[in-house]
Protein backbone atom coordinates (compact mmCIF):
# COMPACT_ATOMS: atom_id res chain seq x y z
CA MET A 1 21.05 -2.44 0.60
CA TYR A 2 17.28 -2.68 0.80
CA ASN A 3 15.50 -3.68 -2.40
CA PHE A 4 12.00 -2.27 -2.82
CA CYS A 5 9.47 -2.42 -5.61
CA THR A 6 6.16 -0.70 -6.21
CA LEU A 7 3.77 0.03 -9.04
CA PHE A 8 1.52 2.89 -10.06
CA ASP A 9 -0.12 4.55 -13.05
CA ARG A 10 -0.85 8.20 -13.88
CA ASN A 11 -3.63 8.35 -11.30
CA TYR A 12 -1.27 7.30 -8.50
CA LEU A 13 1.79 9.12 -9.80
CA TYR A 14 1.76 11.84 -7.13
CA LYS A 15 1.38 9.30 -4.33
CA GLY A 16 3.95 6.87 -5.73
CA LEU A 17 6.59 9.59 -6.08
CA THR A 18 5.81 10.90 -2.60
CA LEU A 19 6.51 7.38 -1.31
CA TYR A 20 9.83 7.43 -3.16
CA PHE A 21 10.88 10.79 -1.72
CA SER A 22 10.00 9.60 1.79
CA LEU A 23 12.39 6.68 1.32
CA LEU A 24 15.05 9.01 -0.04
CA LYS A 25 14.66 11.14 3.09
CA ASN A 26 14.62 8.32 5.64
CA CYS A 27 16.56 5.41 4.17
CA ASP A 28 20.32 5.60 3.64
CA ASN A 29 20.85 2.59 1.40
CA PHE A 30 18.07 1.40 -0.89
CA HIS A 31 17.06 0.80 -4.48
CA ILE A 32 13.48 0.81 -5.72
CA TRP A 33 12.09 -0.68 -8.91
CA ILE A 34 8.95 1.07 -10.17
CA LEU A 35 6.57 -0.73 -12.48
CA CYS A 36 5.02 2.07 -14.56
CA ALA A 37 1.54 0.90 -15.43
CA ASP A 38 1.19 3.21 -18.43
CA GLU A 39 3.42 4.98 -20.95
CA LEU A 40 2.79 8.49 -19.61
CA THR A 41 3.95 7.49 -16.13
CA PHE A 42 7.10 5.91 -17.53
CA CYS A 43 7.97 8.98 -19.63
CA LEU A 44 7.42 11.49 -16.81
CA VAL A 45 9.37 9.54 -14.18
CA LYS A 46 12.20 8.85 -16.63
CA LYS A 47 12.55 12.59 -17.27
CA MET A 48 13.02 13.14 -13.53
CA ASP A 49 16.18 10.96 -13.53
CA LEU A 50 15.61 9.86 -9.93
CA THR A 51 18.38 8.51 -7.70
CA ASN A 52 18.24 4.84 -6.64
CA VAL A 53 15.41 4.10 -9.10
CA SER A 54 14.98 1.58 -11.90
CA LEU A 55 11.91 1.79 -14.11
CA ILE A 56 10.00 -1.12 -15.61
CA LYS A 57 7.78 -0.51 -18.63
CA ILE A 58 4.47 -2.29 -18.48
CA GLU A 59 5.01 -3.59 -22.04
CA ASP A 60 8.27 -5.24 -20.98
CA PHE A 61 6.67 -6.75 -17.88
CA GLU A 62 3.40 -8.23 -19.07
CA ASN A 63 3.40 -11.84 -20.25
CA LYS A 64 0.71 -13.95 -21.92
CA LYS A 65 -0.94 -14.92 -18.64
CA LEU A 66 -1.13 -11.33 -17.43
CA LEU A 67 -2.45 -10.08 -20.75
CA LYS A 68 -5.13 -12.76 -20.68
CA VAL A 69 -6.47 -11.82 -17.24
CA LYS A 70 -6.10 -8.11 -18.01
CA LYS A 71 -8.99 -8.44 -20.47
CA GLU A 72 -11.15 -10.05 -17.80
CA ARG A 73 -10.42 -7.82 -14.80
CA THR A 74 -11.19 -4.27 -13.76
CA VAL A 75 -8.41 -1.69 -13.38
CA THR A 76 -8.43 -2.25 -9.61
CA GLU A 77 -8.39 -6.03 -9.92
CA TYR A 78 -5.56 -5.93 -12.44
CA SER A 79 -3.54 -3.61 -10.21
CA TRP A 80 -3.90 -6.15 -7.39
CA THR A 81 -2.88 -8.88 -9.81
CA LEU A 82 0.32 -7.05 -10.78
CA ALA A 83 1.65 -6.83 -7.20
CA SER A 84 2.27 -10.57 -6.75
CA SER A 85 3.65 -10.92 -10.27
CA LEU A 86 6.01 -8.00 -9.63
CA CYS A 87 7.43 -9.73 -6.55
CA TRP A 88 8.11 -12.89 -8.54
CA TYR A 89 9.61 -10.86 -11.39
CA MET A 90 11.97 -9.07 -9.00
CA LEU A 91 13.08 -12.27 -7.27
CA ASN A 92 14.42 -13.37 -10.62
CA LYS A 93 16.40 -10.11 -10.90
CA ILE A 94 18.12 -9.96 -7.50
CA ASN A 95 20.95 -12.13 -6.19
CA ASP A 96 20.51 -15.30 -4.15
CA GLY A 97 19.94 -14.53 -0.48
CA GLU A 98 18.78 -10.96 -1.13
CA MET A 99 15.28 -9.77 -0.27
CA ILE A 100 12.71 -7.83 -2.27
CA THR A 101 9.99 -5.85 -0.50
CA TYR A 102 6.81 -4.79 -2.23
CA LEU A 103 5.32 -1.46 -1.05
CA ASP A 104 1.90 -0.03 -1.85
CA ALA A 105 2.24 3.31 -3.63
CA ASP A 106 -0.03 5.17 -1.19
CA MET A 107 2.33 4.87 1.77
CA TYR A 108 4.78 7.32 3.31
CA PHE A 109 7.84 6.73 5.51
CA PHE A 110 8.21 9.01 8.51
CA ASN A 111 11.29 7.15 9.80
CA SER A 112 13.89 4.67 8.65
CA PRO A 113 12.73 1.08 7.97
CA ASP A 114 15.92 -0.24 9.61
CA ILE A 115 14.07 -1.41 12.71
CA ILE A 116 11.61 -3.42 10.59
CA PHE A 117 14.38 -5.18 8.71
CA GLU A 118 16.10 -5.92 12.02
CA GLU A 119 12.89 -7.62 13.14
CA ILE A 120 12.67 -9.57 9.88
CA GLY A 121 16.23 -10.80 10.38
CA ASP A 122 16.96 -13.89 8.26
CA SER A 123 13.31 -14.72 7.65
CA SER A 124 12.36 -15.71 4.12
CA ILE A 125 8.98 -13.96 4.11
CA ALA A 126 7.62 -10.91 5.94
CA ILE A 127 4.01 -9.69 6.13
CA VAL A 128 2.08 -7.22 8.27
CA GLU A 129 -1.33 -7.53 9.92
CA HIS A 130 -4.21 -5.11 9.55
CA ARG A 131 -4.17 -4.95 13.38
CA LEU A 132 -7.93 -4.62 13.60
CA LYS A 133 -9.33 -4.21 17.11
CA GLY A 134 -12.65 -3.62 18.78
CA VAL A 135 -15.73 -3.67 16.57
CA ARG A 136 -13.58 -3.47 13.44
CA LYS A 137 -11.97 -6.80 14.38
CA LYS A 138 -15.21 -8.43 13.23
CA LEU A 139 -14.39 -7.37 9.67
CA GLU A 140 -11.19 -9.41 9.58
CA LYS A 141 -12.81 -12.52 8.10
CA TYR A 142 -13.97 -10.39 5.16
CA VAL A 143 -10.90 -8.21 4.51
CA GLY A 144 -8.24 -10.71 5.53
CA LYS A 145 -5.87 -10.82 8.49
CA TYR A 146 -2.91 -9.36 6.60
CA ASN A 147 -2.55 -6.24 4.50
CA VAL A 148 -0.75 -6.28 1.16
CA ALA A 149 1.09 -3.05 1.86
CA TRP A 150 4.47 -4.47 2.83
CA VAL A 151 5.33 -7.97 1.59
CA SER A 152 8.93 -9.23 1.62
CA PHE A 153 10.43 -12.30 -0.04
CA ARG A 154 14.00 -13.51 0.23
CA LYS A 155 15.52 -15.26 -2.76
CA ASP A 156 15.85 -18.63 -1.10
CA ASP A 157 13.85 -21.84 -1.35
CA ASP A 158 11.10 -20.70 1.04
CA GLY A 159 10.78 -17.19 -0.35
CA LEU A 160 10.68 -18.39 -3.95
CA LYS A 161 8.10 -21.04 -3.10
CA ALA A 162 5.79 -18.55 -1.38
CA SER A 163 6.11 -15.88 -4.04
CA ARG A 164 5.40 -18.28 -6.88
CA TRP A 165 2.42 -19.78 -5.06
CA TRP A 166 0.93 -16.31 -4.44
CA LYS A 167 1.49 -15.22 -8.04
CA ASP A 168 -0.17 -18.33 -9.41
CA LYS A 169 -3.15 -18.08 -7.06
CA VAL A 170 -3.73 -14.42 -7.88
CA LEU A 171 -3.55 -15.19 -11.60
CA GLU A 172 -6.24 -17.83 -11.04
CA TRP A 173 -8.56 -15.42 -9.24
CA CYS A 174 -8.38 -11.84 -7.93
CA GLY A 175 -11.86 -10.35 -7.87
CA ALA A 176 -13.00 -7.16 -6.18
CA TYR A 177 -15.91 -9.16 -4.80
CA PHE A 178 -16.32 -12.15 -2.48
CA SER A 179 -16.03 -15.65 -3.86
CA ASN A 180 -15.32 -18.82 -1.89
CA GLY A 181 -14.46 -16.83 1.22
CA LYS A 182 -11.95 -14.46 -0.32
CA ILE A 183 -11.62 -11.11 -2.04
CA GLY A 184 -8.71 -9.71 -4.02
CA ASP A 185 -5.16 -10.84 -3.26
CA GLN A 186 -5.09 -10.44 0.54
CA HIS A 187 -6.93 -13.56 1.70
CA TYR A 188 -4.23 -15.71 0.15
CA LEU A 189 -1.89 -14.53 2.93
CA ASN A 190 -4.11 -15.75 5.75
CA ASP A 191 -2.41 -19.14 6.23
CA TRP A 192 1.15 -18.26 5.28
CA THR A 193 2.48 -18.74 8.81
CA THR A 194 1.51 -22.41 8.58
CA ARG A 195 1.75 -22.96 4.82
CA PHE A 196 5.33 -21.69 4.51
CA LYS A 197 8.49 -21.69 6.62
CA LYS A 198 10.45 -18.77 8.04
CA VAL A 199 7.58 -16.28 7.93
CA CYS A 200 7.94 -13.09 9.97
CA VAL A 201 4.75 -11.29 10.98
CA ILE A 202 5.97 -7.74 11.60
CA LYS A 203 5.05 -6.72 15.15
CA HIS A 204 6.41 -3.16 15.27
CA GLU A 205 3.37 -0.98 15.98
CA GLY A 206 4.79 1.86 13.89
CA ALA A 207 4.58 -0.24 10.72
CA ASP A 208 1.52 0.06 8.47
CA VAL A 209 -0.43 2.42 10.67
CA ALA A 210 -3.56 3.08 8.62
CA PRO A 211 -7.12 4.44 8.68
CA TRP A 212 -8.47 1.10 9.87
CA ASN A 213 -6.25 0.98 12.99
CA ILE A 214 -5.37 4.62 13.76
CA ASN A 215 -8.24 4.93 16.24
CA ASN A 216 -6.57 2.26 18.37
CA CYS A 217 -3.30 4.18 18.45
CA LYS A 218 -2.10 6.71 20.96
CA ILE A 219 -0.38 9.46 18.97
CA ARG A 220 2.40 11.39 20.67
CA VAL A 221 4.63 14.08 19.15
CA ASN A 222 8.05 14.71 20.66
CA ASN A 223 10.86 15.29 18.15
CA GLY A 224 8.93 13.00 15.83
CA ILE A 225 5.65 11.12 15.71
CA PHE A 226 5.18 8.20 18.07
CA ILE A 227 2.54 5.49 17.97
CA SER A 228 1.99 3.72 21.30
CA ASP A 229 5.44 4.94 22.42
CA VAL A 230 7.30 3.67 19.34
CA PRO A 231 8.29 5.76 16.30
CA LEU A 232 5.87 5.87 13.40
CA ILE A 233 7.75 4.13 10.59
CA PHE A 234 5.25 4.30 7.76
CA TYR A 235 1.62 5.24 7.33
CA HIS A 236 -0.74 3.75 4.75
CA PHE A 237 -2.84 6.55 3.25
CA HIS A 238 -5.63 4.31 1.98
CA ASN A 239 -8.73 6.24 0.84
CA PHE A 240 -6.81 9.55 0.77
CA LEU A 241 -8.37 11.76 -1.93
CA LEU A 242 -6.65 14.61 -3.73
CA ILE A 243 -9.20 17.21 -4.82
CA ASN A 244 -6.81 19.71 -6.39
CA ASN A 245 -3.41 21.28 -5.77
CA ASN A 246 -4.58 22.82 -2.51
CA LYS A 247 -7.34 20.58 -1.16
CA TYR A 248 -7.71 16.99 -0.05
CA ILE A 249 -10.05 14.71 1.89
CA SER A 250 -8.36 12.53 4.51
CA SER A 251 -10.94 9.77 4.11
CA THR A 252 -14.52 9.21 3.07
CA SER A 253 -15.02 5.91 4.89
CA TYR A 254 -12.97 6.08 8.10
CA HIS A 255 -12.93 8.25 11.19
CA ILE A 256 -9.53 9.96 11.35
CA PRO A 257 -8.66 11.46 14.76
CA PHE A 258 -7.77 15.15 14.92
CA GLU A 259 -4.18 14.39 16.02
CA ALA A 260 -3.68 12.14 12.98
CA LYS A 261 -5.04 14.80 10.64
CA LYS A 262 -2.71 17.40 12.13
CA TYR A 263 0.51 15.44 12.54
CA ILE A 264 0.24 12.76 9.84
CA TYR A 265 -2.15 13.81 7.07
CA LYS A 266 -1.27 17.48 6.80
CA PRO A 267 2.51 16.86 6.50
CA TYR A 268 1.80 14.15 3.92
CA PHE A 269 -0.25 16.55 1.82
CA LEU A 270 2.51 19.16 1.99
CA GLU A 271 4.91 16.57 0.55
CA ILE A 272 2.45 15.65 -2.18
CA GLN A 273 2.17 19.33 -3.11
CA LYS A 274 5.92 19.38 -3.71
CA VAL A 275 5.57 16.42 -6.07
CA ILE A 276 2.66 18.06 -7.88
CA ASN A 277 4.88 21.10 -8.51
CA LEU A 278 7.69 18.88 -9.78
CA ILE A 279 5.40 17.09 -12.22
CA HIS A 280 3.83 20.32 -13.46
CA ALA A 281 7.30 21.75 -14.08
CA ILE A 282 7.80 18.85 -16.51
CA ASP A 283 4.27 18.69 -17.92
CA LYS A 284 2.10 21.71 -17.12
CA ASP A 285 -0.96 19.99 -18.60
CA PHE A 286 -0.75 16.86 -16.43
CA ASN A 287 -4.07 16.69 -14.57
CA PHE A 288 -4.47 13.12 -13.34
CA GLY A 289 -4.74 11.84 -9.79
CA PHE A 290 -7.45 14.25 -8.65
CA LYS A 291 -10.98 13.37 -7.59
CA LYS A 292 -13.96 15.63 -8.14
CA ARG A 293 -15.27 17.15 -4.95
CA LYS A 294 -18.69 15.55 -5.24
CA ILE A 295 -21.27 16.44 -2.62
CA LYS A 296 -21.54 12.83 -1.45
CA ARG A 297 -17.79 12.76 -0.71
CA VAL A 298 -18.01 15.98 1.27
CA ILE A 299 -21.01 14.67 3.23
CA ALA A 300 -19.25 11.36 3.87
CA SER A 301 -16.12 13.08 5.20
CA LEU A 302 -18.26 15.23 7.50
CA LEU A 303 -20.19 12.23 8.80
CA PHE A 304 -17.00 10.27 9.48
CA SER A 305 -15.64 13.15 11.54
CA CYS A 306 -17.96 11.73 14.21
CA ARG A 307 -16.55 8.51 15.64
CA PHE A 308 -20.02 7.19 16.46
CA PHE A 309 -20.90 7.28 12.75
CA ASP A 310 -17.77 5.23 12.10
CA TYR A 311 -19.11 2.66 14.58
CA LEU A 312 -22.48 2.56 12.80
CA TYR A 313 -20.82 2.25 9.41
CA ILE A 314 -18.63 -0.66 10.53
CA ASN A 315 -21.66 -2.59 11.73
CA TYR A 316 -23.61 -1.82 8.57
CA ASN A 317 -20.62 -2.79 6.43
CA ARG A 318 -20.19 -6.03 8.37
CA TYR A 319 -23.85 -6.85 7.74
CA ALA A 320 -23.52 -6.09 4.02
CA LEU A 321 -20.31 -8.13 3.71
CA LYS A 322 -21.86 -11.03 5.57
CA LYS A 323 -24.62 -11.23 2.97
CA THR A 324 -22.11 -11.55 0.13
CA TYR A 325 -19.60 -13.76 1.94
CA LYS A 326 -19.55 -17.41 0.90
């Protein structure tokens, strides 16, 4: 059985549940623990009585250290903080030798993760790269080499050591700004292949396909979606904006190719619509998770439809990040 964990609040409820249903569709044997970051999320998901799901109330999860940093951090920073603590929490719940895998809530599985776990094998730790190429590769020093979207730890000496180290470091500092050459929780992963033993860097090109690497991918559709001739396993819908029940913006800061919009984004939105209907059947007044269709977001999405603008933005962003990087 695969053990997964994730976390989300009312604003990510639609996305988090869509992730769950994608696992239910594509994974035969799994269990997922969901850290509900607010009471409303916990109550709504509990009413759904989902298969293969265990819920964690935020009040039962938070300890003195978390509550202390919660006062000092933004909502985004605290969400990043919770991920590493959740992994450590879950390692103390599963059996020796088992593995827990953290998943970001804004992901969707298009195929079974079996092939990824086969690659991980008996490794104690598994992480995935951003896979930045071309001009975007120059951003790696600022955003980190690895993406905290899929992070696995086995309950053995090496996995426990790595998870505890990450949790402690993130509790020390997890800002949404640059300080001492790092930002958030991702830079801590940069040296894991040398800091810890038995680390698997997932190489399957269908894992963690995302807005920042989709332009480097050749998309092919033939009884499924293929990325560079391998099946798309899961896509990371970072920067995906829900406007209302019937409208969305693929991204306001990345160029998304037409093929990706047609074969990846549109099917994802159709699945989210199903979840929206499920939630509204339970609570017709629930109205979280949507972004206002501000003119600047519309303009940004139109500008990023041109790949050359994406190129200009990357270079501008690199310049801006360089000024703040220490």
